[in-house]
PDB file of N, CA and C in Angstrom:
ATOM      1  N   MET A   1      24.879 -43.886  30.263  1.00  0.00           N
ATOM      2  CA  MET A   1      24.104 -43.281  29.493  1.00  0.00           C
ATOM      3  C   MET A   1      24.033 -42.027  29.456  1.00  0.00           C
ATOM      4  N   LEU A   2      24.137 -41.020  30.700  1.00  0.00           N
ATOM      5  CA  LEU A   2      24.232 -40.019  30.817  1.00  0.00           C
ATOM      6  C   LEU A   2      25.446 -39.525  30.099  1.00  0.00           C
ATOM      7  N   ARG A   3      26.632 -40.141  30.135  1.00  0.00           N
ATOM      8  CA  ARG A   3      27.736 -39.715  29.531  1.00  0.00           C
ATOM      9  C   ARG A   3      27.637 -39.617  27.968  1.00  0.00           C
ATOM     10  N   LYS A   4      27.155 -40.873  27.584  1.00  0.00           N
ATOM     11  CA  LYS A   4      26.774 -40.913  26.098  1.00  0.00           C
ATOM     12  C   LYS A   4      26.070 -39.718  25.510  1.00  0.00           C
ATOM     13  N   ILE A   5      24.941 -39.209  26.321  1.00  0.00           N
ATOM     14  CA  ILE A   5      24.297 -37.981  26.012  1.00  0.00           C
ATOM     15  C   ILE A   5      24.971 -36.962  25.932  1.00  0.00           C
ATOM     16  N   GLY A   6      25.992 -36.895  26.950  1.00  0.00           N
ATOM     17  CA  GLY A   6      26.759 -35.464  26.850  1.00  0.00           C
ATOM     18  C   GLY A   6      27.695 -35.420  25.684  1.00  0.00           C
ATOM     19  N   ILE A   7      28.408 -36.556  25.419  1.00  0.00           N
ATOM     20  CA  ILE A   7      29.149 -36.543  24.250  1.00  0.00           C
ATOM     21  C   ILE A   7      28.415 -36.426  23.200  1.00  0.00           C
ATOM     22  N   TYR A   8      27.452 -36.846  22.942  1.00  0.00           N
ATOM     23  CA  TYR A   8      26.661 -36.404  21.688  1.00  0.00           C
ATOM     24  C   TYR A   8      26.297 -35.184  21.641  1.00  0.00           C
ATOM     25  N   PHE A   9      25.944 -34.556  22.653  1.00  0.00           N
ATOM     26  CA  PHE A   9      25.536 -33.171  22.774  1.00  0.00           C
ATOM     27  C   PHE A   9      26.788 -32.171  22.343  1.00  0.00           C
ATOM     28  N   VAL A  10      28.013 -32.461  22.803  1.00  0.00           N
ATOM     29  CA  VAL A  10      29.351 -31.873  22.553  1.00  0.00           C
ATOM     30  C   VAL A  10      29.493 -32.039  21.069  1.00  0.00           C
ATOM     31  N   ILE A  11      29.167 -33.187  20.685  1.00  0.00           N
ATOM     32  CA  ILE A  11      29.559 -33.409  19.152  1.00  0.00           C
ATOM     33  C   ILE A  11      28.752 -32.637  18.197  1.00  0.00           C
ATOM     34  N   VAL A  12      27.515 -32.733  18.416  1.00  0.00           N
ATOM     35  CA  VAL A  12      26.461 -31.867  17.837  1.00  0.00           C
ATOM     36  C   VAL A  12      26.611 -30.346  17.910  1.00  0.00           C
ATOM     37  N   VAL A  13      27.060 -29.885  18.913  1.00  0.00           N
ATOM     38  CA  VAL A  13      27.283 -28.370  18.996  1.00  0.00           C
ATOM     39  C   VAL A  13      28.630 -28.012  18.396  1.00  0.00           C
ATOM     40  N   VAL A  14      29.775 -28.818  18.387  1.00  0.00           N
ATOM     41  CA  VAL A  14      30.689 -28.361  17.591  1.00  0.00           C
ATOM     42  C   VAL A  14      30.548 -28.607  16.114  1.00  0.00           C
ATOM     43  N   VAL A  15      29.783 -29.422  15.660  1.00  0.00           N
ATOM     44  CA  VAL A  15      29.434 -29.856  14.128  1.00  0.00           C
ATOM     45  C   VAL A  15      28.581 -28.735  13.817  1.00  0.00           C
ATOM     46  N   LEU A  16      27.686 -28.142  14.570  1.00  0.00           N
ATOM     47  CA  LEU A  16      26.867 -27.032  14.107  1.00  0.00           C
ATOM     48  C   LEU A  16      27.561 -25.612  14.081  1.00  0.00           C
ATOM     49  N   THR A  17      28.491 -25.645  15.142  1.00  0.00           N
ATOM     50  CA  THR A  17      29.432 -24.516  14.948  1.00  0.00           C
ATOM     51  C   THR A  17      30.389 -24.426  13.703  1.00  0.00           C
ATOM     52  N   ALA A  18      30.936 -25.511  13.618  1.00  0.00           N
ATOM     53  CA  ALA A  18      31.949 -25.571  12.443  1.00  0.00           C
ATOM     54  C   ALA A  18      30.862 -25.386  11.118  1.00  0.00           C
ATOM     55  N   LEU A  19      29.760 -25.846  10.940  1.00  0.00           N
ATOM     56  CA  LEU A  19      28.713 -25.769   9.875  1.00  0.00           C
ATOM     57  C   LEU A  19      28.438 -24.170   9.700  1.00  0.00           C
ATOM     58  N   PHE A  20      28.302 -23.574  10.688  1.00  0.00           N
ATOM     59  CA  PHE A  20      27.789 -22.089  10.885  1.00  0.00           C
ATOM     60  C   PHE A  20      28.866 -21.147  10.159  1.00  0.00           C
ATOM     61  N   PHE A  21      30.335 -21.408  10.802  1.00  0.00           N
ATOM     62  CA  PHE A  21      31.388 -20.528  10.397  1.00  0.00           C
ATOM     63  C   PHE A  21      31.756 -21.026   8.950  1.00  0.00           C
ATOM     64  N   THR A  22      31.647 -22.227   8.366  1.00  0.00           N
ATOM     65  CA  THR A  22      31.801 -22.421   7.072  1.00  0.00           C
ATOM     66  C   THR A  22      30.811 -21.590   6.119  1.00  0.00           C
ATOM     67  N   ILE A  23      29.545 -21.786   6.599  1.00  0.00           N
ATOM     68  CA  ILE A  23      28.609 -21.138   5.625  1.00  0.00           C
ATOM     69  C   ILE A  23      28.870 -19.603   5.702  1.00  0.00           C
ATOM     70  N   ALA A  24      29.045 -18.990   6.829  1.00  0.00           N
ATOM     71  CA  ALA A  24      29.203 -17.551   6.723  1.00  0.00           C
ATOM     72  C   ALA A  24      30.595 -17.116   6.055  1.00  0.00           C
ATOM     73  N   TYR A  25      31.458 -18.149   6.055  1.00  0.00           N
ATOM     74  CA  TYR A  25      32.805 -17.673   5.475  1.00  0.00           C
ATOM     75  C   TYR A  25      32.573 -17.925   3.804  1.00  0.00           C
ATOM     76  N   TYR A  26      31.889 -19.107   3.483  1.00  0.00           N
ATOM     77  CA  TYR A  26      32.023 -19.319   2.028  1.00  0.00           C
ATOM     78  C   TYR A  26      30.772 -19.056   1.215  1.00  0.00           C
ATOM     79  N   ALA A  27      29.683 -18.787   2.092  1.00  0.00           N
ATOM     80  CA  ALA A  27      28.408 -18.389   1.266  1.00  0.00           C
ATOM     81  C   ALA A  27      28.263 -17.001   0.985  1.00  0.00           C
ATOM     82  N   THR A  28      27.902 -16.595  -0.169  1.00  0.00           N
ATOM     83  CA  THR A  28      27.792 -15.278  -0.312  1.00  0.00           C
ATOM     84  C   THR A  28      26.323 -14.935  -0.747  1.00  0.00           C
ATOM     85  N   TYR A  29      25.666 -13.938  -0.281  1.00  0.00           N
ATOM     86  CA  TYR A  29      24.429 -13.439  -0.666  1.00  0.00           C
ATOM     87  C   TYR A  29      24.294 -12.822  -2.103  1.00  0.00           C
ATOM     88  N   SER A  30      25.440 -11.853  -2.402  1.00  0.00           N
ATOM     89  CA  SER A  30      25.291 -11.388  -3.730  1.00  0.00           C
ATOM     90  C   SER A  30      26.841 -11.098  -4.098  1.00  0.00           C
ATOM     91  N   GLU A  31      26.773 -10.503  -5.269  1.00  0.00           N
ATOM     92  CA  GLU A  31      28.136  -9.812  -6.005  1.00  0.00           C
ATOM     93  C   GLU A  31      27.902  -8.954  -7.015  1.00  0.00           C
ATOM     94  N   GLY A  32      28.525  -8.178  -7.084  1.00  0.00           N
ATOM     95  CA  GLY A  32      28.458  -7.168  -8.201  1.00  0.00           C
ATOM     96  C   GLY A  32      29.618  -5.948  -8.144  1.00  0.00           C
ATOM     97  N   ASP A  33      29.282  -4.868  -8.589  1.00  0.00           N
ATOM     98  CA  ASP A  33      30.310  -3.791  -8.925  1.00  0.00           C
ATOM     99  C   ASP A  33      29.499  -2.551  -8.489  1.00  0.00           C
ATOM    100  N   ARG A  34      30.324  -1.598  -7.958  1.00  0.00           N
ATOM    101  CA  ARG A  34      29.770  -0.239  -7.704  1.00  0.00           C
ATOM    102  C   ARG A  34      30.855   0.645  -8.289  1.00  0.00           C
ATOM    103  N   THR A  35      30.548   1.702  -8.725  1.00  0.00           N
ATOM    104  CA  THR A  35      31.665   2.769  -9.116  1.00  0.00           C
ATOM    105  C   THR A  35      31.218   4.275  -8.337  1.00  0.00           C
ATOM    106  N   GLY A  36      32.185   4.930  -8.241  1.00  0.00           N
ATOM    107  CA  GLY A  36      31.989   6.284  -7.633  1.00  0.00           C
ATOM    108  C   GLY A  36      33.559   6.602  -7.301  1.00  0.00           C
ATOM    109  N   GLU A  37      33.305   7.594  -6.414  1.00  0.00           N
ATOM    110  CA  GLU A  37      34.748   8.483  -6.144  1.00  0.00           C
ATOM    111  C   GLU A  37      35.190   7.541  -4.896  1.00  0.00           C
ATOM    112  N   LEU A  38      36.239   7.206  -4.721  1.00  0.00           N
ATOM    113  CA  LEU A  38      36.854   6.473  -3.169  1.00  0.00           C
ATOM    114  C   LEU A  38      37.321   7.800  -2.470  1.00  0.00           C
ATOM    115  N   ILE A  39      36.339   8.038  -1.413  1.00  0.00           N
ATOM    116  CA  ILE A  39      36.421   8.962  -0.495  1.00  0.00           C
ATOM    117  C   ILE A  39      37.176   8.903   0.754  1.00  0.00           C
ATOM    118  N   LYS A  40      37.308   7.720   1.308  1.00  0.00           N
ATOM    119  CA  LYS A  40      37.699   7.272   2.352  1.00  0.00           C
ATOM    120  C   LYS A  40      38.308   5.738   2.348  1.00  0.00           C
ATOM    121  N   PHE A  41      39.480   5.379   2.916  1.00  0.00           N
ATOM    122  CA  PHE A  41      40.066   4.075   2.987  1.00  0.00           C
ATOM    123  C   PHE A  41      40.838   4.264   4.304  1.00  0.00           C
ATOM    124  N   SER A  42      40.557   3.319   5.391  1.00  0.00           N
ATOM    125  CA  SER A  42      41.383   3.365   6.673  1.00  0.00           C
ATOM    126  C   SER A  42      41.542   2.149   7.263  1.00  0.00           C
ATOM    127  N   ASN A  43      42.220   1.785   8.119  1.00  0.00           N
ATOM    128  CA  ASN A  43      42.636   0.763   8.919  1.00  0.00           C
ATOM    129  C   ASN A  43      41.893   1.155  10.187  1.00  0.00           C
ATOM    130  N   LYS A  44      41.051   0.739  10.766  1.00  0.00           N
ATOM    131  CA  LYS A  44      40.292   1.184  12.247  1.00  0.00           C
ATOM    132  C   LYS A  44      40.137   0.022  13.064  1.00  0.00           C
ATOM    133  N   GLY A  45      39.846   0.576  14.212  1.00  0.00           N
ATOM    134  CA  GLY A  45      39.407  -0.352  15.303  1.00  0.00           C
ATOM    135  C   GLY A  45      40.380  -0.669  16.333  1.00  0.00           C
ATOM    136  N   TYR A  46      39.746  -0.766  17.740  1.00  0.00           N
ATOM    137  CA  TYR A  46      40.524  -0.860  19.065  1.00  0.00           C
ATOM    138  C   TYR A  46      41.072  -2.292  19.310  1.00  0.00           C
ATOM    139  N   ILE A  47      40.120  -3.487  18.968  1.00  0.00           N
ATOM    140  CA  ILE A  47      40.669  -4.656  19.247  1.00  0.00           C
ATOM    141  C   ILE A  47      40.919  -5.402  18.015  1.00  0.00           C
ATOM    142  N   PHE A  48      40.082  -5.219  16.964  1.00  0.00           N
ATOM    143  CA  PHE A  48      40.045  -5.843  15.645  1.00  0.00           C
ATOM    144  C   PHE A  48      40.524  -4.668  14.740  1.00  0.00           C
ATOM    145  N   LYS A  49      41.604  -4.519  14.340  1.00  0.00           N
ATOM    146  CA  LYS A  49      41.914  -3.636  12.964  1.00  0.00           C
ATOM    147  C   LYS A  49      41.373  -3.969  11.675  1.00  0.00           C
ATOM    148  N   THR A  50      40.459  -3.430  11.260  1.00  0.00           N
ATOM    149  CA  THR A  50      39.853  -3.819   9.986  1.00  0.00           C
ATOM    150  C   THR A  50      39.976  -2.656   8.777  1.00  0.00           C
ATOM    151  N   TRP A  51      39.919  -3.042   7.691  1.00  0.00           N
ATOM    152  CA  TRP A  51      40.178  -2.122   6.509  1.00  0.00           C
ATOM    153  C   TRP A  51      38.652  -1.625   6.178  1.00  0.00           C
ATOM    154  N   GLU A  52      38.310  -0.411   6.089  1.00  0.00           N
ATOM    155  CA  GLU A  52      37.156   0.069   5.697  1.00  0.00           C
ATOM    156  C   GLU A  52      37.142   1.268   4.602  1.00  0.00           C
ATOM    157  N   GLY A  53      36.241   1.185   3.726  1.00  0.00           N
ATOM    158  CA  GLY A  53      36.292   1.992   2.627  1.00  0.00           C
ATOM    159  C   GLY A  53      34.779   2.774   2.402  1.00  0.00           C
ATOM    160  N   GLU A  54      34.891   3.878   1.836  1.00  0.00           N
ATOM    161  CA  GLU A  54      33.468   4.382   1.493  1.00  0.00           C
ATOM    162  C   GLU A  54      33.813   4.945   0.009  1.00  0.00           C
ATOM    163  N   LEU A  55      32.673   4.840  -0.696  1.00  0.00           N
ATOM    164  CA  LEU A  55      32.616   5.274  -1.987  1.00  0.00           C
ATOM    165  C   LEU A  55      31.428   6.218  -2.360  1.00  0.00           C
ATOM    166  N   SER A  56      31.754   7.409  -2.784  1.00  0.00           N
ATOM    167  CA  SER A  56      30.643   8.356  -3.086  1.00  0.00           C
ATOM    168  C   SER A  56      30.161   8.185  -4.412  1.00  0.00           C
ATOM    169  N   GLN A  57      28.863   7.882  -4.320  1.00  0.00           N
ATOM    170  CA  GLN A  57      27.915   7.552  -5.746  1.00  0.00           C
ATOM    171  C   GLN A  57      27.160   8.706  -6.114  1.00  0.00           C
ATOM    172  N   GLY A  58      26.994   9.924  -5.591  1.00  0.00           N
ATOM    173  CA  GLY A  58      26.373  10.860  -6.039  1.00  0.00           C
ATOM    174  C   GLY A  58      27.245  12.259  -6.151  1.00  0.00           C
ATOM    175  N   LEU A  59      26.627  13.182  -7.031  1.00  0.00           N
ATOM    176  CA  LEU A  59      27.380  14.223  -7.069  1.00  0.00           C
ATOM    177  C   LEU A  59      27.550  15.180  -5.764  1.00  0.00           C
ATOM    178  N   SER A  60      26.726  15.126  -4.892  1.00  0.00           N
ATOM    179  CA  SER A  60      26.902  15.802  -3.600  1.00  0.00           C
ATOM    180  C   SER A  60      27.263  14.930  -2.457  1.00  0.00           C
ATOM    181  N   GLY A  61      27.575  13.580  -2.656  1.00  0.00           N
ATOM    182  CA  GLY A  61      28.030  12.752  -1.916  1.00  0.00           C
ATOM    183  C   GLY A  61      26.979  12.220  -0.876  1.00  0.00           C
ATOM    184  N   ASN A  62      25.636  12.413  -1.457  1.00  0.00           N
ATOM    185  CA  ASN A  62      24.532  11.822  -0.739  1.00  0.00           C
ATOM    186  C   ASN A  62      24.280  10.347  -0.707  1.00  0.00           C
ATOM    187  N   LYS A  63      24.917   9.504  -1.552  1.00  0.00           N
ATOM    188  CA  LYS A  63      24.823   8.215  -1.741  1.00  0.00           C
ATOM    189  C   LYS A  63      26.371   7.700  -1.329  1.00  0.00           C
ATOM    190  N   ILE A  64      26.394   6.880  -0.243  1.00  0.00           N
ATOM    191  CA  ILE A  64      27.654   6.428   0.154  1.00  0.00           C
ATOM    192  C   ILE A  64      27.448   5.133   0.295  1.00  0.00           C
ATOM    193  N   PHE A  65      28.418   4.408  -0.222  1.00  0.00           N
ATOM    194  CA  PHE A  65      28.418   2.899  -0.283  1.00  0.00           C
ATOM    195  C   PHE A  65      29.896   2.488   0.674  1.00  0.00           C
ATOM    196  N   THR A  66      29.586   1.863   1.681  1.00  0.00           N
ATOM    197  CA  THR A  66      30.612   1.403   2.528  1.00  0.00           C
ATOM    198  C   THR A  66      31.064   0.103   2.444  1.00  0.00           C
ATOM    199  N   PHE A  67      32.043  -0.477   2.626  1.00  0.00           N
ATOM    200  CA  PHE A  67      32.643  -1.636   2.260  1.00  0.00           C
ATOM    201  C   PHE A  67      33.932  -1.934   3.243  1.00  0.00           C
ATOM    202  N   SER A  68      34.000  -3.215   3.192  1.00  0.00           N
ATOM    203  CA  SER A  68      35.390  -3.709   4.090  1.00  0.00           C
ATOM    204  C   SER A  68      36.304  -4.343   3.316  1.00  0.00           C
ATOM    205  N   VAL A  69      37.527  -4.720   3.590  1.00  0.00           N
ATOM    206  CA  VAL A  69      38.315  -5.403   2.781  1.00  0.00           C
ATOM    207  C   VAL A  69      39.069  -6.474   3.971  1.00  0.00           C
ATOM    208  N   LEU A  70      39.068  -7.720   3.688  1.00  0.00           N
ATOM    209  CA  LEU A  70      39.745  -8.703   4.560  1.00  0.00           C
ATOM    210  C   LEU A  70      41.199  -8.582   4.491  1.00  0.00           C
ATOM    211  N   ASP A  71      42.039  -8.720   5.444  1.00  0.00           N
ATOM    212  CA  ASP A  71      43.200  -8.256   5.857  1.00  0.00           C
ATOM    213  C   ASP A  71      44.146  -9.269   4.753  1.00  0.00           C
ATOM    214  N   ASN A  72      43.815 -10.396   4.344  1.00  0.00           N
ATOM    215  CA  ASN A  72      44.820 -11.097   3.402  1.00  0.00           C
ATOM    216  C   ASN A  72      44.413 -10.730   2.029  1.00  0.00           C
ATOM    217  N   ASP A  73      43.717  -9.754   1.646  1.00  0.00           N
ATOM    218  CA  ASP A  73      43.607  -9.398   0.414  1.00  0.00           C
ATOM    219  C   ASP A  73      44.435  -8.091   0.207  1.00  0.00           C
ATOM    220  N   GLU A  74      45.950  -8.316   0.275  1.00  0.00           N
ATOM    221  CA  GLU A  74      46.776  -7.168   0.223  1.00  0.00           C
ATOM    222  C   GLU A  74      46.935  -6.442  -1.051  1.00  0.00           C
ATOM    223  N   GLU A  75      46.517  -7.092  -2.151  1.00  0.00           N
ATOM    224  CA  GLU A  75      46.741  -6.540  -3.438  1.00  0.00           C
ATOM    225  C   GLU A  75      45.407  -5.410  -3.284  1.00  0.00           C
ATOM    226  N   VAL A  76      44.353  -5.848  -2.934  1.00  0.00           N
ATOM    227  CA  VAL A  76      43.104  -4.881  -2.849  1.00  0.00           C
ATOM    228  C   VAL A  76      43.548  -3.596  -2.063  1.00  0.00           C
ATOM    229  N   ILE A  77      43.972  -3.933  -0.895  1.00  0.00           N
ATOM    230  CA  ILE A  77      44.452  -2.881   0.005  1.00  0.00           C
ATOM    231  C   ILE A  77      45.414  -2.028  -0.568  1.00  0.00           C
ATOM    232  N   ASN A  78      46.299  -2.396  -1.345  1.00  0.00           N
ATOM    233  CA  ASN A  78      47.351  -1.433  -1.944  1.00  0.00           C
ATOM    234  C   ASN A  78      46.777  -0.653  -2.918  1.00  0.00           C
ATOM    235  N   ASP A  79      45.815  -1.267  -3.811  1.00  0.00           N
ATOM    236  CA  ASP A  79      45.358  -0.767  -5.050  1.00  0.00           C
ATOM    237  C   ASP A  79      44.392   0.457  -4.536  1.00  0.00           C
ATOM    238  N   LEU A  80      43.628   0.312  -3.368  1.00  0.00           N
ATOM    239  CA  LEU A  80      42.776   1.116  -2.630  1.00  0.00           C
ATOM    240  C   LEU A  80      43.546   2.279  -2.144  1.00  0.00           C
ATOM    241  N   LYS A  81      44.697   1.899  -1.518  1.00  0.00           N
ATOM    242  CA  LYS A  81      45.540   3.310  -0.979  1.00  0.00           C
ATOM    243  C   LYS A  81      45.908   4.192  -2.109  1.00  0.00           C
ATOM    244  N   LYS A  82      46.290   3.331  -3.156  1.00  0.00           N
ATOM    245  CA  LYS A  82      46.850   4.237  -4.407  1.00  0.00           C
ATOM    246  C   LYS A  82      45.726   5.006  -5.027  1.00  0.00           C
ATOM    247  N   LEU A  83      44.569   4.496  -4.746  1.00  0.00           N
ATOM    248  CA  LEU A  83      43.561   5.061  -5.871  1.00  0.00           C
ATOM    249  C   LEU A  83      42.417   6.083  -4.909  1.00  0.00           C
ATOM    250  N   GLN A  84      42.853   6.446  -3.658  1.00  0.00           N
ATOM    251  CA  GLN A  84      42.091   7.197  -2.770  1.00  0.00           C
ATOM    252  C   GLN A  84      41.817   8.753  -3.459  1.00  0.00           C
ATOM    253  N   GLY A  85      40.654   8.969  -3.648  1.00  0.00           N
ATOM    254  CA  GLY A  85      40.184  10.241  -4.172  1.00  0.00           C
ATOM    255  C   GLY A  85      39.849  10.255  -5.568  1.00  0.00           C
ATOM    256  N   GLN A  86      40.210   9.148  -6.036  1.00  0.00           N
ATOM    257  CA  GLN A  86      39.883   8.850  -7.734  1.00  0.00           C
ATOM    258  C   GLN A  86      38.576   8.137  -7.989  1.00  0.00           C
ATOM    259  N   TYR A  87      38.098   8.111  -9.083  1.00  0.00           N
ATOM    260  CA  TYR A  87      36.938   7.578  -9.452  1.00  0.00           C
ATOM    261  C   TYR A  87      37.188   6.103  -9.928  1.00  0.00           C
ATOM    262  N   VAL A  88      36.563   5.175  -9.190  1.00  0.00           N
ATOM    263  CA  VAL A  88      36.870   3.645  -9.326  1.00  0.00           C
ATOM    264  C   VAL A  88      35.728   2.699  -9.254  1.00  0.00           C
ATOM    265  N   LYS A  89      35.988   1.539  -9.810  1.00  0.00           N
ATOM    266  CA  LYS A  89      34.959   0.539  -9.766  1.00  0.00           C
ATOM    267  C   LYS A  89      35.346  -0.557  -8.922  1.00  0.00           C
ATOM    268  N   VAL A  90      34.522  -0.604  -7.774  1.00  0.00           N
ATOM    269  CA  VAL A  90      34.885  -1.720  -6.711  1.00  0.00           C
ATOM    270  C   VAL A  90      34.094  -2.888  -6.964  1.00  0.00           C
ATOM    271  N   THR A  91      34.574  -4.185  -7.301  1.00  0.00           N
ATOM    272  CA  THR A  91      34.025  -5.527  -7.195  1.00  0.00           C
ATOM    273  C   THR A  91      33.778  -6.090  -5.573  1.00  0.00           C
ATOM    274  N   TYR A  92      32.635  -6.379  -5.488  1.00  0.00           N
ATOM    275  CA  TYR A  92      32.249  -6.730  -4.001  1.00  0.00           C
ATOM    276  C   TYR A  92      31.680  -8.072  -4.023  1.00  0.00           C
ATOM    277  N   ILE A  93      31.497  -8.963  -2.697  1.00  0.00           N
ATOM    278  CA  ILE A  93      30.834  -9.748  -2.404  1.00  0.00           C
ATOM    279  C   ILE A  93      29.942  -9.346  -1.176  1.00  0.00           C
ATOM    280  N   GLU A  94      28.644  -9.899  -1.077  1.00  0.00           N
ATOM    281  CA  GLU A  94      27.940  -9.520   0.059  1.00  0.00           C
ATOM    282  C   GLU A  94      27.790 -10.833   0.715  1.00  0.00           C
ATOM    283  N   ARG A  95      27.938 -10.839   2.104  1.00  0.00           N
ATOM    284  CA  ARG A  95      27.838 -12.006   2.729  1.00  0.00           C
ATOM    285  C   ARG A  95      26.733 -12.135   3.675  1.00  0.00           C
ATOM    286  N   TYR A  96      26.347 -13.202   4.053  1.00  0.00           N
ATOM    287  CA  TYR A  96      25.099 -13.194   5.069  1.00  0.00           C
ATOM    288  C   TYR A  96      25.610 -12.716   6.329  1.00  0.00           C
ATOM    289  N   LYS A  97      26.670 -12.852   6.753  1.00  0.00           N
ATOM    290  CA  LYS A  97      26.970 -12.430   8.153  1.00  0.00           C
ATOM    291  C   LYS A  97      28.430 -12.089   8.100  1.00  0.00           C
ATOM    292  N   THR A  98      28.759 -11.305   9.220  1.00  0.00           N
ATOM    293  CA  THR A  98      30.179 -10.675   9.286  1.00  0.00           C
ATOM    294  C   THR A  98      30.564 -10.986  10.719  1.00  0.00           C
ATOM    295  N   PHE A  99      31.799 -10.807  11.023  1.00  0.00           N
ATOM    296  CA  PHE A  99      32.412 -11.137  12.337  1.00  0.00           C
ATOM    297  C   PHE A  99      33.269  -9.736  12.599  1.00  0.00           C
ATOM    298  N   PRO A 100      33.353  -9.405  13.855  1.00  0.00           N
ATOM    299  CA  PRO A 100      34.079  -8.064  14.228  1.00  0.00           C
ATOM    300  C   PRO A 100      35.519  -8.129  13.720  1.00  0.00           C
ATOM    301  N   TRP A 101      36.129  -9.391  13.571  1.00  0.00           N
ATOM    302  CA  TRP A 101      37.608  -9.422  12.938  1.00  0.00           C
ATOM    303  C   TRP A 101      37.513  -9.378  11.446  1.00  0.00           C
ATOM    304  N   TRP A 102      36.485  -9.223  10.872  1.00  0.00           N
ATOM    305  CA  TRP A 102      36.405  -9.131   9.215  1.00  0.00           C
ATOM    306  C   TRP A 102      36.129  -7.748   8.914  1.00  0.00           C
ATOM    307  N   GLY A 103      35.522  -7.140   9.589  1.00  0.00           N
ATOM    308  CA  GLY A 103      35.009  -5.735   9.265  1.00  0.00           C
ATOM    309  C   GLY A 103      33.598  -5.066   9.626  1.00  0.00           C
ATOM    310  N   ASP A 104      33.248  -4.072   9.316  1.00  0.00           N
ATOM    311  CA  ASP A 104      32.172  -3.480  10.037  1.00  0.00           C
ATOM    312  C   ASP A 104      30.891  -3.687   9.004  1.00  0.00           C
ATOM    313  N   THR A 105      31.043  -4.120   7.897  1.00  0.00           N
ATOM    314  CA  THR A 105      29.979  -4.246   6.851  1.00  0.00           C
ATOM    315  C   THR A 105      29.763  -5.631   6.430  1.00  0.00           C
ATOM    316  N   LYS A 106      28.810  -5.920   5.437  1.00  0.00           N
ATOM    317  CA  LYS A 106      28.756  -7.235   5.006  1.00  0.00           C
ATOM    318  C   LYS A 106      29.243  -7.247   3.555  1.00  0.00           C
ATOM    319  N   TYR A 107      29.751  -5.899   3.108  1.00  0.00           N
ATOM    320  CA  TYR A 107      30.284  -5.882   1.716  1.00  0.00           C
ATOM    321  C   TYR A 107      31.722  -5.896   1.838  1.00  0.00           C
ATOM    322  N   PHE A 108      32.460  -6.935   0.964  1.00  0.00           N
ATOM    323  CA  PHE A 108      33.674  -6.926   1.026  1.00  0.00           C
ATOM    324  C   PHE A 108      34.256  -6.817  -0.375  1.00  0.00           C
ATOM    325  N   ALA A 109      35.282  -5.773  -0.482  1.00  0.00           N
ATOM    326  CA  ALA A 109      35.825  -5.544  -1.863  1.00  0.00           C
ATOM    327  C   ALA A 109      36.792  -6.804  -2.139  1.00  0.00           C
ATOM    328  N   ILE A 110      36.767  -7.137  -3.519  1.00  0.00           N
ATOM    329  CA  ILE A 110      37.693  -8.437  -3.768  1.00  0.00           C
ATOM    330  C   ILE A 110      38.552  -7.913  -4.999  1.00  0.00           C
ATOM    331  N   LYS A 111      38.242  -6.569  -5.574  1.00  0.00           N
ATOM    332  CA  LYS A 111      38.718  -6.241  -6.651  1.00  0.00           C
ATOM    333  C   LYS A 111      38.522  -4.471  -6.758  1.00  0.00           C
ATOM    334  N   VAL A 112      39.578  -3.772  -7.316  1.00  0.00           N
ATOM    335  CA  VAL A 112      39.329  -2.537  -7.640  1.00  0.00           C
ATOM    336  C   VAL A 112      40.007  -2.026  -8.850  1.00  0.00           C
ATOM    337  N   VAL A 113      39.450  -1.446  -9.628  1.00  0.00           N
ATOM    338  CA  VAL A 113      40.101  -0.782 -10.820  1.00  0.00           C
ATOM    339  C   VAL A 113      39.806   0.613 -10.938  1.00  0.00           C
ATOM    340  N   LYS A 114      40.608   1.518 -11.711  1.00  0.00           N
ATOM    341  CA  LYS A 114      40.447   2.777 -11.944  1.00  0.00           C
ATOM    342  C   LYS A 114      39.650   2.824 -13.177  1.00  0.00           C
ATOM    343  N   GLU A 115      38.512   3.945 -13.024  1.00  0.00           N
ATOM    344  CA  GLU A 115      37.495   4.122 -14.059  1.00  0.00           C
ATOM    345  C   GLU A 115      37.470   5.626 -14.485  1.00  0.00           C
ATOM    346  N   LYS A 116      37.013   5.748 -15.769  1.00  0.00           N
ATOM    347  CA  LYS A 116      36.810   7.218 -16.152  1.00  0.00           C
ATOM    348  C   LYS A 116      35.728   7.726 -15.436  1.00  0.00           C
ATOM    349  N   SER A 117      35.850   9.035 -14.976  1.00  0.00           N
ATOM    350  CA  SER A 117      34.747   9.834 -14.479  1.00  0.00           C
ATOM    351  C   SER A 117      33.744  10.020 -15.309  1.00  0.00           C
ATOM    352  N   PRO A 118      32.479   9.770 -15.132  1.00  0.00           N
ATOM    353  CA  PRO A 118      31.444  10.233 -16.155  1.00  0.00           C
ATOM    354  C   PRO A 118      31.282  11.811 -16.149  1.00  0.00           C
ATOM    355  N   ILE A 119      31.631  12.494 -15.207  1.00  0.00           N
ATOM    356  CA  ILE A 119      31.309  13.931 -15.014  1.00  0.00           C
ATOM    357  C   ILE A 119      32.458  14.681 -15.687  1.00  0.00           C
ATOM    358  N   PHE A 120      33.618  14.202 -15.683  1.00  0.00           N
ATOM    359  CA  PHE A 120      34.841  14.832 -16.457  1.00  0.00           C
ATOM    360  C   PHE A 120      35.053  14.354 -17.767  1.00  0.00           C
ATOM    361  N   ASN A 121      34.051  13.424 -18.398  1.00  0.00           N
ATOM    362  CA  ASN A 121      34.503  12.705 -19.680  1.00  0.00           C
ATOM    363  C   ASN A 121      33.654  13.108 -20.765  1.00  0.00           C
ATOM    364  N   LYS A 122      34.240  14.452 -21.011  1.00  0.00           N
ATOM    365  CA  LYS A 122      33.483  15.202 -22.175  1.00  0.00           C
ATOM    366  C   LYS A 122      34.480  15.490 -23.167  1.00  0.00           C
TER     367      LYS A 122
END
């Protein structure tokens, strides 16, 4: 009897853990676009190396949008490296939860394209 309870307990814990990671990975809270000057993009971390970026959305750099990029999004990583210092539009998803091996933020860039700057567009 006690052994059956232990087995059921382990099964429930495994199923709940799998459900948590599945929801954390596939469920998104929001998605959208942000535009601004790509002022920083780097690979950082001691134990878990993650890709992190910053988008300046104000003239004086007072509004900063920080985001992460998953390691398997190589096209996005390469595009961000090429477009650093330029005005871009970042398409992102916001997750409910993140993990240290994914990135520092809940915002994950899934696409980036160069845009015309509204400041110099006269």
